Amino acid sequence: MGFLDNAKDKLSDAVDKHGDKIEGGIDKAADLASDKTGGKYDDKIESGVDKAKDALDGLDGKDDDIQ
């Protein structure tokens, strides 16, 4: 198993165990970015949030960790 496979497994385990906290962090970062930009880029921020959540949730092949 290579370095990247090992890193992916560890990240997948972290998402399985702490998906709710990770989701909260992503949402908090999105809120901060929205506040700093005055809401000007909310559509792009929301798109990025959705993509990040989908990518993290799909690491283990199941969509069950992040809402």
PDB file of N, CA and C in Angstrom:
ATOM      1  N   MET A   1       0.850  -1.171   0.000  1.00  0.00           N
ATOM      2  CA  MET A   1       0.000   0.000   0.000  1.00  0.00           C
ATOM      3  C   MET A   1       0.898   1.236   0.000  1.00  0.00           C
ATOM      4  N   GLY A   2       0.619   2.143  -0.880  1.00  0.00           N
ATOM      5  CA  GLY A   2       1.417   3.347  -1.005  1.00  0.00           C
ATOM      6  C   GLY A   2       1.010   4.427  -0.025  1.00  0.00           C
ATOM      7  N   PHE A   3       1.775   5.475  -0.024  1.00  0.00           N
ATOM      8  CA  PHE A   3       1.540   6.603   0.862  1.00  0.00           C
ATOM      9  C   PHE A   3       0.141   7.198   0.675  1.00  0.00           C
ATOM     10  N   LEU A   4      -0.254   7.418  -0.565  1.00  0.00           N
ATOM     11  CA  LEU A   4      -1.557   8.037  -0.817  1.00  0.00           C
ATOM     12  C   LEU A   4      -2.710   7.119  -0.435  1.00  0.00           C
ATOM     13  N   ASP A   5      -2.551   5.823  -0.637  1.00  0.00           N
ATOM     14  CA  ASP A   5      -3.594   4.887  -0.212  1.00  0.00           C
ATOM     15  C   ASP A   5      -3.754   4.908   1.299  1.00  0.00           C
ATOM     16  N   ASN A   6      -2.626   4.969   1.997  1.00  0.00           N
ATOM     17  CA  ASN A   6      -2.652   5.025   3.449  1.00  0.00           C
ATOM     18  C   ASN A   6      -3.315   6.320   3.933  1.00  0.00           C
ATOM     19  N   ALA A   7      -2.988   7.430   3.310  1.00  0.00           N
ATOM     20  CA  ALA A   7      -3.573   8.720   3.671  1.00  0.00           C
ATOM     21  C   ALA A   7      -5.073   8.717   3.409  1.00  0.00           C
ATOM     22  N   LYS A   8      -5.491   8.129   2.293  1.00  0.00           N
ATOM     23  CA  LYS A   8      -6.920   8.061   1.969  1.00  0.00           C
ATOM     24  C   LYS A   8      -7.667   7.215   3.001  1.00  0.00           C
ATOM     25  N   ASP A   9      -7.072   6.101   3.415  1.00  0.00           N
ATOM     26  CA  ASP A   9      -7.700   5.254   4.430  1.00  0.00           C
ATOM     27  C   ASP A   9      -7.850   5.990   5.758  1.00  0.00           C
ATOM     28  N   LYS A  10      -6.826   6.727   6.152  1.00  0.00           N
ATOM     29  CA  LYS A  10      -6.892   7.480   7.403  1.00  0.00           C
ATOM     30  C   LYS A  10      -7.934   8.589   7.326  1.00  0.00           C
ATOM     31  N   LEU A  11      -7.994   9.273   6.196  1.00  0.00           N
ATOM     32  CA  LEU A  11      -8.982  10.330   6.020  1.00  0.00           C
ATOM     33  C   LEU A  11     -10.391   9.744   6.009  1.00  0.00           C
ATOM     34  N   SER A  12     -10.562   8.612   5.367  1.00  0.00           N
ATOM     35  CA  SER A  12     -11.858   7.951   5.330  1.00  0.00           C
ATOM     36  C   SER A  12     -12.308   7.560   6.732  1.00  0.00           C
ATOM     37  N   ASP A  13     -11.389   7.042   7.536  1.00  0.00           N
ATOM     38  CA  ASP A  13     -11.711   6.687   8.914  1.00  0.00           C
ATOM     39  C   ASP A  13     -12.103   7.917   9.722  1.00  0.00           C
ATOM     40  N   ALA A  14     -11.386   9.017   9.519  1.00  0.00           N
ATOM     41  CA  ALA A  14     -11.699  10.256  10.237  1.00  0.00           C
ATOM     42  C   ALA A  14     -13.087  10.766   9.858  1.00  0.00           C
ATOM     43  N   VAL A  15     -13.436  10.684   8.589  1.00  0.00           N
ATOM     44  CA  VAL A  15     -14.757  11.130   8.141  1.00  0.00           C
ATOM     45  C   VAL A  15     -15.843  10.225   8.729  1.00  0.00           C
ATOM     46  N   ASP A  16     -15.580   8.920   8.778  1.00  0.00           N
ATOM     47  CA  ASP A  16     -16.546   7.997   9.369  1.00  0.00           C
ATOM     48  C   ASP A  16     -16.790   8.315  10.837  1.00  0.00           C
ATOM     49  N   LYS A  17     -15.740   8.621  11.564  1.00  0.00           N
ATOM     50  CA  LYS A  17     -15.852   8.848  13.010  1.00  0.00           C
ATOM     51  C   LYS A  17     -16.317  10.252  13.356  1.00  0.00           C
ATOM     52  N   HIS A  18     -15.918  11.245  12.561  1.00  0.00           N
ATOM     53  CA  HIS A  18     -16.158  12.642  12.919  1.00  0.00           C
ATOM     54  C   HIS A  18     -16.818  13.433  11.800  1.00  0.00           C
ATOM     55  N   GLY A  19     -17.672  12.795  11.017  1.00  0.00           N
ATOM     56  CA  GLY A  19     -18.311  13.457   9.888  1.00  0.00           C
ATOM     57  C   GLY A  19     -19.102  14.685  10.270  1.00  0.00           C
ATOM     58  N   ASP A  20     -19.786  14.627  11.411  1.00  0.00           N
ATOM     59  CA  ASP A  20     -20.587  15.769  11.841  1.00  0.00           C
ATOM     60  C   ASP A  20     -19.712  16.975  12.188  1.00  0.00           C
ATOM     61  N   LYS A  21     -18.571  16.730  12.807  1.00  0.00           N
ATOM     62  CA  LYS A  21     -17.665  17.829  13.152  1.00  0.00           C
ATOM     63  C   LYS A  21     -17.011  18.407  11.901  1.00  0.00           C
ATOM     64  N   ILE A  22     -16.656  17.558  10.966  1.00  0.00           N
ATOM     65  CA  ILE A  22     -16.052  18.018   9.714  1.00  0.00           C
ATOM     66  C   ILE A  22     -17.062  18.848   8.924  1.00  0.00           C
ATOM     67  N   GLU A  23     -18.292  18.368   8.885  1.00  0.00           N
ATOM     68  CA  GLU A  23     -19.352  19.109   8.193  1.00  0.00           C
ATOM     69  C   GLU A  23     -19.549  20.485   8.825  1.00  0.00           C
ATOM     70  N   GLY A  24     -19.540  20.530  10.151  1.00  0.00           N
ATOM     71  CA  GLY A  24     -19.677  21.802  10.852  1.00  0.00           C
ATOM     72  C   GLY A  24     -18.532  22.755  10.531  1.00  0.00           C
ATOM     73  N   GLY A  25     -17.321  22.212  10.422  1.00  0.00           N
ATOM     74  CA  GLY A  25     -16.166  23.044  10.076  1.00  0.00           C
ATOM     75  C   GLY A  25     -16.255  23.607   8.672  1.00  0.00           C
ATOM     76  N   ILE A  26     -16.725  22.791   7.746  1.00  0.00           N
ATOM     77  CA  ILE A  26     -16.895  23.259   6.372  1.00  0.00           C
ATOM     78  C   ILE A  26     -17.941  24.370   6.323  1.00  0.00           C
ATOM     79  N   ASP A  27     -19.048  24.171   7.033  1.00  0.00           N
ATOM     80  CA  ASP A  27     -20.104  25.187   7.065  1.00  0.00           C
ATOM     81  C   ASP A  27     -19.619  26.479   7.717  1.00  0.00           C
ATOM     82  N   LYS A  28     -18.837  26.344   8.782  1.00  0.00           N
ATOM     83  CA  LYS A  28     -18.303  27.519   9.473  1.00  0.00           C
ATOM     84  C   LYS A  28     -17.350  28.292   8.562  1.00  0.00           C
ATOM     85  N   ALA A  29     -16.504  27.580   7.828  1.00  0.00           N
ATOM     86  CA  ALA A  29     -15.591  28.233   6.890  1.00  0.00           C
ATOM     87  C   ALA A  29     -16.366  28.939   5.776  1.00  0.00           C
ATOM     88  N   ALA A  30     -17.444  28.317   5.309  1.00  0.00           N
ATOM     89  CA  ALA A  30     -18.270  28.929   4.262  1.00  0.00           C
ATOM     90  C   ALA A  30     -18.934  30.201   4.778  1.00  0.00           C
ATOM     91  N   ASP A  31     -19.414  30.163   6.009  1.00  0.00           N
ATOM     92  CA  ASP A  31     -20.034  31.359   6.599  1.00  0.00           C
ATOM     93  C   ASP A  31     -19.021  32.490   6.732  1.00  0.00           C
ATOM     94  N   LEU A  32     -17.807  32.157   7.151  1.00  0.00           N
ATOM     95  CA  LEU A  32     -16.767  33.162   7.281  1.00  0.00           C
ATOM     96  C   LEU A  32     -16.427  33.766   5.919  1.00  0.00           C
ATOM     97  N   ALA A  33     -16.291  32.921   4.907  1.00  0.00           N
ATOM     98  CA  ALA A  33     -15.992  33.417   3.561  1.00  0.00           C
ATOM     99  C   ALA A  33     -17.119  34.313   3.045  1.00  0.00           C
ATOM    100  N   SER A  34     -18.338  33.930   3.332  1.00  0.00           N
ATOM    101  CA  SER A  34     -19.483  34.734   2.911  1.00  0.00           C
ATOM    102  C   SER A  34     -19.481  36.093   3.607  1.00  0.00           C
ATOM    103  N   ASP A  35     -19.196  36.094   4.905  1.00  0.00           N
ATOM    104  CA  ASP A  35     -19.134  37.350   5.651  1.00  0.00           C
ATOM    105  C   ASP A  35     -18.025  38.257   5.131  1.00  0.00           C
ATOM    106  N   LYS A  36     -16.870  37.672   4.849  1.00  0.00           N
ATOM    107  CA  LYS A  36     -15.724  38.468   4.385  1.00  0.00           C
ATOM    108  C   LYS A  36     -15.951  39.051   2.995  1.00  0.00           C
ATOM    109  N   THR A  37     -16.755  38.381   2.178  1.00  0.00           N
ATOM    110  CA  THR A  37     -17.012  38.873   0.824  1.00  0.00           C
ATOM    111  C   THR A  37     -18.336  39.624   0.726  1.00  0.00           C
ATOM    112  N   GLY A  38     -19.012  39.782   1.843  1.00  0.00           N
ATOM    113  CA  GLY A  38     -20.274  40.512   1.835  1.00  0.00           C
ATOM    114  C   GLY A  38     -21.375  39.786   1.092  1.00  0.00           C
ATOM    115  N   GLY A  39     -21.285  38.485   0.979  1.00  0.00           N
ATOM    116  CA  GLY A  39     -22.313  37.698   0.298  1.00  0.00           C
ATOM    117  C   GLY A  39     -22.224  37.741  -1.215  1.00  0.00           C
ATOM    118  N   LYS A  40     -21.205  38.416  -1.725  1.00  0.00           N
ATOM    119  CA  LYS A  40     -21.077  38.604  -3.174  1.00  0.00           C
ATOM    120  C   LYS A  40     -20.860  37.287  -3.926  1.00  0.00           C
ATOM    121  N   TYR A  41     -20.209  36.323  -3.283  1.00  0.00           N
ATOM    122  CA  TYR A  41     -19.856  35.063  -3.947  1.00  0.00           C
ATOM    123  C   TYR A  41     -20.559  33.861  -3.312  1.00  0.00           C
ATOM    124  N   ASP A  42     -21.708  34.082  -2.721  1.00  0.00           N
ATOM    125  CA  ASP A  42     -22.400  32.998  -2.018  1.00  0.00           C
ATOM    126  C   ASP A  42     -22.701  31.803  -2.913  1.00  0.00           C
ATOM    127  N   ASP A  43     -23.042  32.038  -4.166  1.00  0.00           N
ATOM    128  CA  ASP A  43     -23.339  30.917  -5.054  1.00  0.00           C
ATOM    129  C   ASP A  43     -22.101  30.060  -5.309  1.00  0.00           C
ATOM    130  N   LYS A  44     -20.959  30.693  -5.460  1.00  0.00           N
ATOM    131  CA  LYS A  44     -19.710  29.955  -5.676  1.00  0.00           C
ATOM    132  C   LYS A  44     -19.251  29.248  -4.395  1.00  0.00           C
ATOM    133  N   ILE A  45     -19.438  29.911  -3.263  1.00  0.00           N
ATOM    134  CA  ILE A  45     -19.084  29.308  -1.976  1.00  0.00           C
ATOM    135  C   ILE A  45     -19.945  28.080  -1.723  1.00  0.00           C
ATOM    136  N   GLU A  46     -21.232  28.194  -1.963  1.00  0.00           N
ATOM    137  CA  GLU A  46     -22.142  27.063  -1.753  1.00  0.00           C
ATOM    138  C   GLU A  46     -21.798  25.900  -2.682  1.00  0.00           C
ATOM    139  N   SER A  47     -21.441  26.212  -3.899  1.00  0.00           N
ATOM    140  CA  SER A  47     -21.036  25.174  -4.845  1.00  0.00           C
ATOM    141  C   SER A  47     -19.791  24.441  -4.343  1.00  0.00           C
ATOM    142  N   GLY A  48     -18.833  25.195  -3.843  1.00  0.00           N
ATOM    143  CA  GLY A  48     -17.614  24.601  -3.303  1.00  0.00           C
ATOM    144  C   GLY A  48     -17.884  23.750  -2.079  1.00  0.00           C
ATOM    145  N   VAL A  49     -18.784  24.210  -1.228  1.00  0.00           N
ATOM    146  CA  VAL A  49     -19.163  23.450  -0.032  1.00  0.00           C
ATOM    147  C   VAL A  49     -19.788  22.124  -0.432  1.00  0.00           C
ATOM    148  N   ASP A  50     -20.699  22.171  -1.387  1.00  0.00           N
ATOM    149  CA  ASP A  50     -21.347  20.937  -1.839  1.00  0.00           C
ATOM    150  C   ASP A  50     -20.335  19.946  -2.419  1.00  0.00           C
ATOM    151  N   LYS A  51     -19.414  20.440  -3.212  1.00  0.00           N
ATOM    152  CA  LYS A  51     -18.395  19.567  -3.809  1.00  0.00           C
ATOM    153  C   LYS A  51     -17.477  18.974  -2.750  1.00  0.00           C
ATOM    154  N   ALA A  52     -17.082  19.777  -1.765  1.00  0.00           N
ATOM    155  CA  ALA A  52     -16.209  19.284  -0.695  1.00  0.00           C
ATOM    156  C   ALA A  52     -16.906  18.211   0.128  1.00  0.00           C
ATOM    157  N   LYS A  53     -18.168  18.449   0.469  1.00  0.00           N
ATOM    158  CA  LYS A  53     -18.922  17.468   1.258  1.00  0.00           C
ATOM    159  C   LYS A  53     -19.122  16.174   0.471  1.00  0.00           C
ATOM    160  N   ASP A  54     -19.438  16.285  -0.807  1.00  0.00           N
ATOM    161  CA  ASP A  54     -19.623  15.090  -1.641  1.00  0.00           C
ATOM    162  C   ASP A  54     -18.330  14.288  -1.750  1.00  0.00           C
ATOM    163  N   ALA A  55     -17.217  14.985  -1.927  1.00  0.00           N
ATOM    164  CA  ALA A  55     -15.930  14.299  -2.062  1.00  0.00           C
ATOM    165  C   ALA A  55     -15.556  13.583  -0.772  1.00  0.00           C
ATOM    166  N   LEU A  56     -15.720  14.248   0.355  1.00  0.00           N
ATOM    167  CA  LEU A  56     -15.388  13.617   1.634  1.00  0.00           C
ATOM    168  C   LEU A  56     -16.329  12.468   1.955  1.00  0.00           C
ATOM    169  N   ASP A  57     -17.595  12.656   1.657  1.00  0.00           N
ATOM    170  CA  ASP A  57     -18.580  11.629   1.959  1.00  0.00           C
ATOM    171  C   ASP A  57     -18.377  10.387   1.107  1.00  0.00           C
ATOM    172  N   GLY A  58     -17.904  10.551  -0.098  1.00  0.00           N
ATOM    173  CA  GLY A  58     -17.736   9.416  -1.008  1.00  0.00           C
ATOM    174  C   GLY A  58     -16.409   8.687  -0.884  1.00  0.00           C
ATOM    175  N   LEU A  59     -15.572   9.058   0.065  1.00  0.00           N
ATOM    176  CA  LEU A  59     -14.261   8.408   0.193  1.00  0.00           C
ATOM    177  C   LEU A  59     -14.361   6.915   0.429  1.00  0.00           C
ATOM    178  N   ASP A  60     -15.350   6.507   1.198  1.00  0.00           N
ATOM    179  CA  ASP A  60     -15.466   5.075   1.506  1.00  0.00           C
ATOM    180  C   ASP A  60     -16.435   4.347   0.564  1.00  0.00           C
ATOM    181  N   GLY A  61     -16.902   5.049  -0.455  1.00  0.00           N
ATOM    182  CA  GLY A  61     -17.811   4.433  -1.414  1.00  0.00           C
ATOM    183  C   GLY A  61     -19.266   4.471  -0.988  1.00  0.00           C
ATOM    184  N   LYS A  62     -19.532   5.037   0.182  1.00  0.00           N
ATOM    185  CA  LYS A  62     -20.899   5.149   0.688  1.00  0.00           C
ATOM    186  C   LYS A  62     -21.176   6.629   0.960  1.00  0.00           C
ATOM    187  N   ASP A  63     -22.387   7.044   0.676  1.00  0.00           N
ATOM    188  CA  ASP A  63     -22.782   8.416   0.974  1.00  0.00           C
ATOM    189  C   ASP A  63     -23.589   8.428   2.265  1.00  0.00           C
ATOM    190  N   ASP A  64     -22.887   8.277   3.391  1.00  0.00           N
ATOM    191  CA  ASP A  64     -23.601   8.163   4.643  1.00  0.00           C
ATOM    192  C   ASP A  64     -22.988   8.939   5.799  1.00  0.00           C
ATOM    193  N   ASP A  65     -21.917   9.682   5.553  1.00  0.00           N
ATOM    194  CA  ASP A  65     -21.203  10.317   6.657  1.00  0.00           C
ATOM    195  C   ASP A  65     -21.517  11.787   6.821  1.00  0.00           C
ATOM    196  N   ILE A  66     -21.695  12.484   5.730  1.00  0.00           N
ATOM    197  CA  ILE A  66     -21.923  13.932   5.762  1.00  0.00           C
ATOM    198  C   ILE A  66     -23.212  14.223   5.029  1.00  0.00           C
ATOM    199  N   GLN A  67     -24.037  15.054   5.621  1.00  0.00           N
ATOM    200  CA  GLN A  67     -25.352  15.380   5.035  1.00  0.00           C
ATOM    201  C   GLN A  67     -25.171  16.435   4.026  1.00  0.00           C
TER     202      GLN A  67
END
